[in-house]
Amino acid sequence: VIYILVLTFSPPPVGIRDPVTNDIIDTSSEENTKNGVIYVNGSYRAVVAIGAWQKFCLAMSRMSAFSLYPMLVVVFFTKMKGIQTFLSKTPLSMYFGVINQGHDFHAHAGKYIALDVWIHTIFHLLRWLSQGNIKLLWTSPAGLSGLITVVATPLITFPMMHYKRKLSYEIRKGLHYLFYLFAVAMCFHVPPSAIPNGGFIAPILGS
């Protein structure tokens, strides 16, 4: 979280904050800034933030995004039964509860993802609304992939969290496979060209 805040709000060459205006803008194109995007490493990024409110919204969305990475790793790892069985027979099992209590960690990570995705989305939407750029939700790769993700996430998580008695296990398990849609959409959320200022999600979920 600290890492992405530094790389977002520091001036170049470390970050993307304009040292003159202290805002996140495309210094080479007023048109791009007006449209809510900056051009970085060959890709348009919908991260323009002008003024305190928009920068706060950007900070919240980026912090929530990067706090998601460990939870995504946990969600996958806790279902890798072969690796867990191997590690449970090593001294590591004495120190890592995720090895011996995989289901509990999986459930907690899922609840975190269910909440975090909405925090991330809401603050992006508030920033785009403030700019008059809500169209980015369906015209930008970040917006469209995020829309798919935020629709899929409740279908994946809510049945397991709230409807265990109302829905059969087979239905809940079937909806869980929408995580593949979640993962594919996330791979297109931020281009790898954005690395180190984001862009890690495609290599992580894609592998």
C-alpha atoms as a PDB file:
ATOM      1  CA  VAL A   1       0.000   0.000   0.000  1.00  0.00           C
ATOM      2  CA  ILE A   2       2.801   2.418   0.914  1.00  0.00           C
ATOM      3  CA  TYR A   3       4.626   1.372  -2.239  1.00  0.00           C
ATOM      4  CA  ILE A   4       1.809   2.384  -4.597  1.00  0.00           C
ATOM      5  CA  LEU A   5       1.141   5.647  -2.746  1.00  0.00           C
ATOM      6  CA  VAL A   6       4.780   6.641  -3.179  1.00  0.00           C
ATOM      7  CA  LEU A   7       4.759   5.713  -6.872  1.00  0.00           C
ATOM      8  CA  THR A   8       1.504   7.575  -7.420  1.00  0.00           C
ATOM      9  CA  PHE A   9       2.010  10.813  -5.559  1.00  0.00           C
ATOM     10  CA  SER A  10       5.747  11.370  -5.927  1.00  0.00           C
ATOM     11  CA  PRO A  11       7.014  13.566  -8.762  1.00  0.00           C
ATOM     12  CA  PRO A  12       8.869  12.006 -11.703  1.00  0.00           C
ATOM     13  CA  PRO A  13      10.938   9.965 -12.177  1.00  0.00           C
ATOM     14  CA  VAL A  14       9.612   8.039  -9.169  1.00  0.00           C
ATOM     15  CA  GLY A  15       5.915   8.864  -9.401  1.00  0.00           C
ATOM     16  CA  ILE A  16       3.363  10.440 -11.724  1.00  0.00           C
ATOM     17  CA  ARG A  17       2.427  13.611  -9.810  1.00  0.00           C
ATOM     18  CA  ASP A  18       2.997  16.813 -11.759  1.00  0.00           C
ATOM     19  CA  PRO A  19       5.410  18.894  -9.617  1.00  0.00           C
ATOM     20  CA  VAL A  20       3.937  22.164 -10.911  1.00  0.00           C
ATOM     21  CA  THR A  21       0.237  21.601 -10.209  1.00  0.00           C
ATOM     22  CA  ASN A  22       0.688  18.754  -7.669  1.00  0.00           C
ATOM     23  CA  ASP A  23      -2.070  16.918  -9.530  1.00  0.00           C
ATOM     24  CA  ILE A  24      -2.079  13.675 -11.504  1.00  0.00           C
ATOM     25  CA  ILE A  25      -2.406  14.940 -15.073  1.00  0.00           C
ATOM     26  CA  ASP A  26      -1.048  14.316 -18.537  1.00  0.00           C
ATOM     27  CA  THR A  27       1.454  17.149 -18.790  1.00  0.00           C
ATOM     28  CA  SER A  28       1.843  16.600 -22.530  1.00  0.00           C
ATOM     29  CA  SER A  29      -1.859  16.698 -23.418  1.00  0.00           C
ATOM     30  CA  GLU A  30      -4.651  18.849 -22.015  1.00  0.00           C
ATOM     31  CA  GLU A  31      -7.113  16.771 -24.038  1.00  0.00           C
ATOM     32  CA  ASN A  32      -6.021  13.565 -22.317  1.00  0.00           C
ATOM     33  CA  THR A  33      -6.341  15.233 -18.917  1.00  0.00           C
ATOM     34  CA  LYS A  34      -9.816  16.481 -19.797  1.00  0.00           C
ATOM     35  CA  ASN A  35     -10.778  12.933 -20.771  1.00  0.00           C
ATOM     36  CA  GLY A  36      -9.468  11.579 -17.464  1.00  0.00           C
ATOM     37  CA  VAL A  37      -6.450   9.691 -18.816  1.00  0.00           C
ATOM     38  CA  ILE A  38      -2.684  10.000 -18.947  1.00  0.00           C
ATOM     39  CA  TYR A  39      -0.449   8.372 -21.529  1.00  0.00           C
ATOM     40  CA  VAL A  40       2.279   6.283 -19.882  1.00  0.00           C
ATOM     41  CA  ASN A  41       4.586   3.723 -21.512  1.00  0.00           C
ATOM     42  CA  GLY A  42       2.355   3.318 -24.537  1.00  0.00           C
ATOM     43  CA  SER A  43      -0.944   2.940 -22.639  1.00  0.00           C
ATOM     44  CA  TYR A  44      -3.720   5.255 -21.534  1.00  0.00           C
ATOM     45  CA  ARG A  45      -4.291   5.119 -17.773  1.00  0.00           C
ATOM     46  CA  ALA A  46      -7.540   6.441 -16.290  1.00  0.00           C
ATOM     47  CA  VAL A  47      -5.832   7.880 -13.205  1.00  0.00           C
ATOM     48  CA  VAL A  48      -6.211  11.654 -13.609  1.00  0.00           C
ATOM     49  CA  ALA A  49      -6.799  13.289 -10.230  1.00  0.00           C
ATOM     50  CA  ILE A  50      -7.176  17.046  -9.847  1.00  0.00           C
ATOM     51  CA  GLY A  51      -7.690  18.605  -6.443  1.00  0.00           C
ATOM     52  CA  ALA A  52      -7.773  17.134  -2.960  1.00  0.00           C
ATOM     53  CA  TRP A  53     -11.014  15.175  -3.342  1.00  0.00           C
ATOM     54  CA  GLN A  54     -10.017  13.399  -6.543  1.00  0.00           C
ATOM     55  CA  LYS A  55      -6.561  12.618  -5.183  1.00  0.00           C
ATOM     56  CA  PHE A  56      -8.150  11.163  -2.054  1.00  0.00           C
ATOM     57  CA  CYS A  57     -10.392   8.974  -4.205  1.00  0.00           C
ATOM     58  CA  LEU A  58      -7.413   7.862  -6.292  1.00  0.00           C
ATOM     59  CA  ALA A  59      -5.447   7.042  -3.135  1.00  0.00           C
ATOM     60  CA  MET A  60      -8.320   4.953  -1.768  1.00  0.00           C
ATOM     61  CA  SER A  61      -8.799   3.038  -5.011  1.00  0.00           C
ATOM     62  CA  ARG A  62      -5.095   2.342  -5.422  1.00  0.00           C
ATOM     63  CA  MET A  63      -4.609   1.321  -1.790  1.00  0.00           C
ATOM     64  CA  SER A  64      -7.541  -1.072  -2.020  1.00  0.00           C
ATOM     65  CA  ALA A  65      -6.143  -2.502  -5.262  1.00  0.00           C
ATOM     66  CA  PHE A  66      -2.720  -3.274  -3.843  1.00  0.00           C
ATOM     67  CA  SER A  67      -4.090  -4.616  -0.570  1.00  0.00           C
ATOM     68  CA  LEU A  68      -5.913  -7.181  -2.707  1.00  0.00           C
ATOM     69  CA  TYR A  69      -2.755  -8.931  -3.924  1.00  0.00           C
ATOM     70  CA  PRO A  70      -2.031 -10.952  -0.746  1.00  0.00           C
ATOM     71  CA  MET A  71      -5.664 -12.049  -0.530  1.00  0.00           C
ATOM     72  CA  LEU A  72      -5.649 -13.285  -4.126  1.00  0.00           C
ATOM     73  CA  VAL A  73      -2.545 -15.333  -3.363  1.00  0.00           C
ATOM     74  CA  VAL A  74      -4.211 -16.799  -0.255  1.00  0.00           C
ATOM     75  CA  VAL A  75      -7.414 -17.662  -2.168  1.00  0.00           C
ATOM     76  CA  PHE A  76      -5.425 -19.681  -4.690  1.00  0.00           C
ATOM     77  CA  PHE A  77      -2.904 -21.202  -2.279  1.00  0.00           C
ATOM     78  CA  THR A  78      -5.562 -22.493   0.102  1.00  0.00           C
ATOM     79  CA  LYS A  79      -6.998 -24.638  -2.699  1.00  0.00           C
ATOM     80  CA  MET A  80      -3.647 -26.087  -3.814  1.00  0.00           C
ATOM     81  CA  LYS A  81      -4.068 -29.325  -1.888  1.00  0.00           C
ATOM     82  CA  GLY A  82      -0.952 -30.995  -3.235  1.00  0.00           C
ATOM     83  CA  ILE A  83       1.342 -28.183  -2.116  1.00  0.00           C
ATOM     84  CA  GLN A  84      -0.428 -27.940   1.244  1.00  0.00           C
ATOM     85  CA  THR A  85      -0.056 -31.688   1.856  1.00  0.00           C
ATOM     86  CA  PHE A  86       3.637 -31.491   1.088  1.00  0.00           C
ATOM     87  CA  LEU A  87       4.201 -28.423   3.300  1.00  0.00           C
ATOM     88  CA  SER A  88       2.159 -29.926   6.152  1.00  0.00           C
ATOM     89  CA  LYS A  89       4.847 -32.582   6.470  1.00  0.00           C
ATOM     90  CA  THR A  90       7.607 -30.008   6.840  1.00  0.00           C
ATOM     91  CA  PRO A  91       8.595 -27.781   9.791  1.00  0.00           C
ATOM     92  CA  LEU A  92       6.897 -24.879   7.997  1.00  0.00           C
ATOM     93  CA  SER A  93       3.523 -26.241   9.143  1.00  0.00           C
ATOM     94  CA  MET A  94       4.439 -25.146  12.680  1.00  0.00           C
ATOM     95  CA  TYR A  95       4.549 -21.484  11.663  1.00  0.00           C
ATOM     96  CA  PHE A  96       1.992 -21.000   8.916  1.00  0.00           C
ATOM     97  CA  GLY A  97      -1.629 -21.525   9.886  1.00  0.00           C
ATOM     98  CA  VAL A  98      -2.677 -21.160   6.264  1.00  0.00           C
ATOM     99  CA  ILE A  99      -1.237 -24.640   5.686  1.00  0.00           C
ATOM    100  CA  ASN A 100      -3.251 -26.369   8.416  1.00  0.00           C
ATOM    101  CA  GLN A 101      -6.408 -24.229   8.315  1.00  0.00           C
ATOM    102  CA  GLY A 102      -6.705 -23.650   4.594  1.00  0.00           C
ATOM    103  CA  HIS A 103     -10.496 -23.461   4.412  1.00  0.00           C
ATOM    104  CA  ASP A 104     -10.747 -20.825   7.149  1.00  0.00           C
ATOM    105  CA  PHE A 105      -8.110 -18.674   5.474  1.00  0.00           C
ATOM    106  CA  HIS A 106      -9.853 -19.136   2.117  1.00  0.00           C
ATOM    107  CA  ALA A 107     -13.162 -17.947   3.584  1.00  0.00           C
ATOM    108  CA  HIS A 108     -11.604 -14.912   5.276  1.00  0.00           C
ATOM    109  CA  ALA A 109      -9.722 -13.964   2.108  1.00  0.00           C
ATOM    110  CA  GLY A 110     -12.931 -14.290   0.092  1.00  0.00           C
ATOM    111  CA  LYS A 111     -14.791 -11.953   2.441  1.00  0.00           C
ATOM    112  CA  TYR A 112     -11.981  -9.414   2.175  1.00  0.00           C
ATOM    113  CA  ILE A 113     -12.047  -9.576  -1.631  1.00  0.00           C
ATOM    114  CA  ALA A 114     -15.845  -9.198  -1.650  1.00  0.00           C
ATOM    115  CA  LEU A 115     -15.573  -5.941   0.328  1.00  0.00           C
ATOM    116  CA  ASP A 116     -12.370  -4.619  -1.182  1.00  0.00           C
ATOM    117  CA  VAL A 117     -13.603  -4.850  -4.783  1.00  0.00           C
ATOM    118  CA  TRP A 118     -16.510  -2.546  -3.940  1.00  0.00           C
ATOM    119  CA  ILE A 119     -14.303  -0.033  -2.119  1.00  0.00           C
ATOM    120  CA  HIS A 120     -11.990   0.051  -5.118  1.00  0.00           C
ATOM    121  CA  THR A 121     -14.867   0.501  -7.552  1.00  0.00           C
ATOM    122  CA  ILE A 122     -16.785   3.127  -5.588  1.00  0.00           C
ATOM    123  CA  PHE A 123     -13.813   5.459  -5.251  1.00  0.00           C
ATOM    124  CA  HIS A 124     -12.988   5.161  -8.951  1.00  0.00           C
ATOM    125  CA  LEU A 125     -16.603   6.017  -9.775  1.00  0.00           C
ATOM    126  CA  LEU A 126     -16.626   8.989  -7.392  1.00  0.00           C
ATOM    127  CA  ARG A 127     -13.473  10.361  -9.022  1.00  0.00           C
ATOM    128  CA  TRP A 128     -14.786   9.890 -12.542  1.00  0.00           C
ATOM    129  CA  LEU A 129     -18.120  11.470 -11.599  1.00  0.00           C
ATOM    130  CA  SER A 130     -16.275  14.451 -10.148  1.00  0.00           C
ATOM    131  CA  GLN A 131     -14.485  14.893 -13.475  1.00  0.00           C
ATOM    132  CA  GLY A 132     -17.540  14.298 -15.638  1.00  0.00           C
ATOM    133  CA  ASN A 133     -15.787  11.212 -17.039  1.00  0.00           C
ATOM    134  CA  ILE A 134     -18.132   8.430 -15.910  1.00  0.00           C
ATOM    135  CA  LYS A 135     -18.019   7.149 -19.502  1.00  0.00           C
ATOM    136  CA  LEU A 136     -14.623   5.677 -18.617  1.00  0.00           C
ATOM    137  CA  LEU A 137     -16.578   2.884 -16.925  1.00  0.00           C
ATOM    138  CA  TRP A 138     -17.479   1.431 -20.323  1.00  0.00           C
ATOM    139  CA  THR A 139     -15.014   3.102 -22.708  1.00  0.00           C
ATOM    140  CA  SER A 140     -11.704   2.316 -21.005  1.00  0.00           C
ATOM    141  CA  PRO A 141     -10.118  -1.127 -20.520  1.00  0.00           C
ATOM    142  CA  ALA A 142      -9.825  -0.459 -16.782  1.00  0.00           C
ATOM    143  CA  GLY A 143     -13.462   0.547 -16.500  1.00  0.00           C
ATOM    144  CA  LEU A 144     -14.931  -2.267 -18.591  1.00  0.00           C
ATOM    145  CA  SER A 145     -12.812  -5.007 -17.009  1.00  0.00           C
ATOM    146  CA  GLY A 146     -13.620  -3.556 -13.594  1.00  0.00           C
ATOM    147  CA  LEU A 147     -17.343  -3.600 -14.402  1.00  0.00           C
ATOM    148  CA  ILE A 148     -17.145  -7.299 -15.298  1.00  0.00           C
ATOM    149  CA  THR A 149     -15.213  -7.992 -12.103  1.00  0.00           C
ATOM    150  CA  VAL A 150     -17.571  -6.115  -9.811  1.00  0.00           C
ATOM    151  CA  VAL A 151     -20.576  -7.955 -11.298  1.00  0.00           C
ATOM    152  CA  ALA A 152     -18.904 -11.361 -10.996  1.00  0.00           C
ATOM    153  CA  THR A 153     -17.592 -10.902  -7.450  1.00  0.00           C
ATOM    154  CA  PRO A 154     -20.944 -10.964  -5.577  1.00  0.00           C
ATOM    155  CA  LEU A 155     -22.003 -14.027  -7.575  1.00  0.00           C
ATOM    156  CA  ILE A 156     -18.815 -15.769  -6.468  1.00  0.00           C
ATOM    157  CA  THR A 157     -18.773 -14.687  -2.826  1.00  0.00           C
ATOM    158  CA  PHE A 158     -22.290 -13.890  -1.565  1.00  0.00           C
ATOM    159  CA  PRO A 159     -23.767 -17.403  -1.978  1.00  0.00           C
ATOM    160  CA  MET A 160     -20.948 -18.831   0.157  1.00  0.00           C
ATOM    161  CA  MET A 161     -21.200 -15.997   2.683  1.00  0.00           C
ATOM    162  CA  HIS A 162     -24.950 -15.485   3.059  1.00  0.00           C
ATOM    163  CA  TYR A 163     -26.984 -18.163   1.279  1.00  0.00           C
ATOM    164  CA  LYS A 164     -25.590 -21.497   2.433  1.00  0.00           C
ATOM    165  CA  ARG A 165     -28.997 -22.687   3.646  1.00  0.00           C
ATOM    166  CA  LYS A 166     -31.023 -21.284   0.747  1.00  0.00           C
ATOM    167  CA  LEU A 167     -28.841 -22.507  -2.126  1.00  0.00           C
ATOM    168  CA  SER A 168     -27.591 -26.010  -2.675  1.00  0.00           C
ATOM    169  CA  TYR A 169     -23.878 -26.695  -2.514  1.00  0.00           C
ATOM    170  CA  GLU A 170     -23.853 -27.570  -6.215  1.00  0.00           C
ATOM    171  CA  ILE A 171     -25.215 -24.139  -7.177  1.00  0.00           C
ATOM    172  CA  ARG A 172     -22.841 -22.322  -4.847  1.00  0.00           C
ATOM    173  CA  LYS A 173     -19.899 -24.347  -6.122  1.00  0.00           C
ATOM    174  CA  GLY A 174     -20.931 -23.721  -9.725  1.00  0.00           C
ATOM    175  CA  LEU A 175     -21.078 -19.963  -9.175  1.00  0.00           C
ATOM    176  CA  HIS A 176     -17.622 -20.157  -7.632  1.00  0.00           C
ATOM    177  CA  TYR A 177     -16.249 -21.074 -11.063  1.00  0.00           C
ATOM    178  CA  LEU A 178     -17.032 -17.503 -12.127  1.00  0.00           C
ATOM    179  CA  PHE A 179     -13.690 -16.772 -10.521  1.00  0.00           C
ATOM    180  CA  TYR A 180     -12.211 -17.676 -13.912  1.00  0.00           C
ATOM    181  CA  LEU A 181     -14.172 -14.757 -15.408  1.00  0.00           C
ATOM    182  CA  PHE A 182     -12.966 -12.593 -12.519  1.00  0.00           C
ATOM    183  CA  ALA A 183      -9.350 -13.587 -13.183  1.00  0.00           C
ATOM    184  CA  VAL A 184      -9.504 -13.049 -16.948  1.00  0.00           C
ATOM    185  CA  ALA A 185     -11.135  -9.625 -16.558  1.00  0.00           C
ATOM    186  CA  MET A 186      -8.524  -8.594 -14.012  1.00  0.00           C
ATOM    187  CA  CYS A 187      -5.743  -9.546 -16.429  1.00  0.00           C
ATOM    188  CA  PHE A 188      -6.966  -6.731 -18.688  1.00  0.00           C
ATOM    189  CA  HIS A 189      -7.567  -4.224 -15.886  1.00  0.00           C
ATOM    190  CA  VAL A 190      -4.100  -2.657 -15.957  1.00  0.00           C
ATOM    191  CA  PRO A 191      -1.558  -3.262 -18.750  1.00  0.00           C
ATOM    192  CA  PRO A 192       1.798  -4.790 -17.747  1.00  0.00           C
ATOM    193  CA  SER A 193       3.427  -1.766 -19.394  1.00  0.00           C
ATOM    194  CA  ALA A 194       2.367   0.155 -16.282  1.00  0.00           C
ATOM    195  CA  ILE A 195       4.932  -1.714 -14.148  1.00  0.00           C
ATOM    196  CA  PRO A 196       6.249  -0.577 -11.659  1.00  0.00           C
ATOM    197  CA  ASN A 197       3.302   1.837 -11.216  1.00  0.00           C
ATOM    198  CA  GLY A 198       0.721  -0.945 -11.223  1.00  0.00           C
ATOM    199  CA  GLY A 199       0.273  -3.591 -13.879  1.00  0.00           C
ATOM    200  CA  PHE A 200       1.256  -6.586 -11.737  1.00  0.00           C
ATOM    201  CA  ILE A 201      -2.194  -8.197 -11.818  1.00  0.00           C
ATOM    202  CA  ALA A 202      -1.896  -9.765 -15.286  1.00  0.00           C
ATOM    203  CA  PRO A 203       1.371 -11.619 -14.564  1.00  0.00           C
ATOM    204  CA  ILE A 204       0.034 -12.781 -11.187  1.00  0.00           C
ATOM    205  CA  LEU A 205      -3.396 -14.044 -12.271  1.00  0.00           C
ATOM    206  CA  GLY A 206      -2.297 -14.962 -15.767  1.00  0.00           C
ATOM    207  CA  SER A 207       0.262 -17.393 -14.433  1.00  0.00           C
END
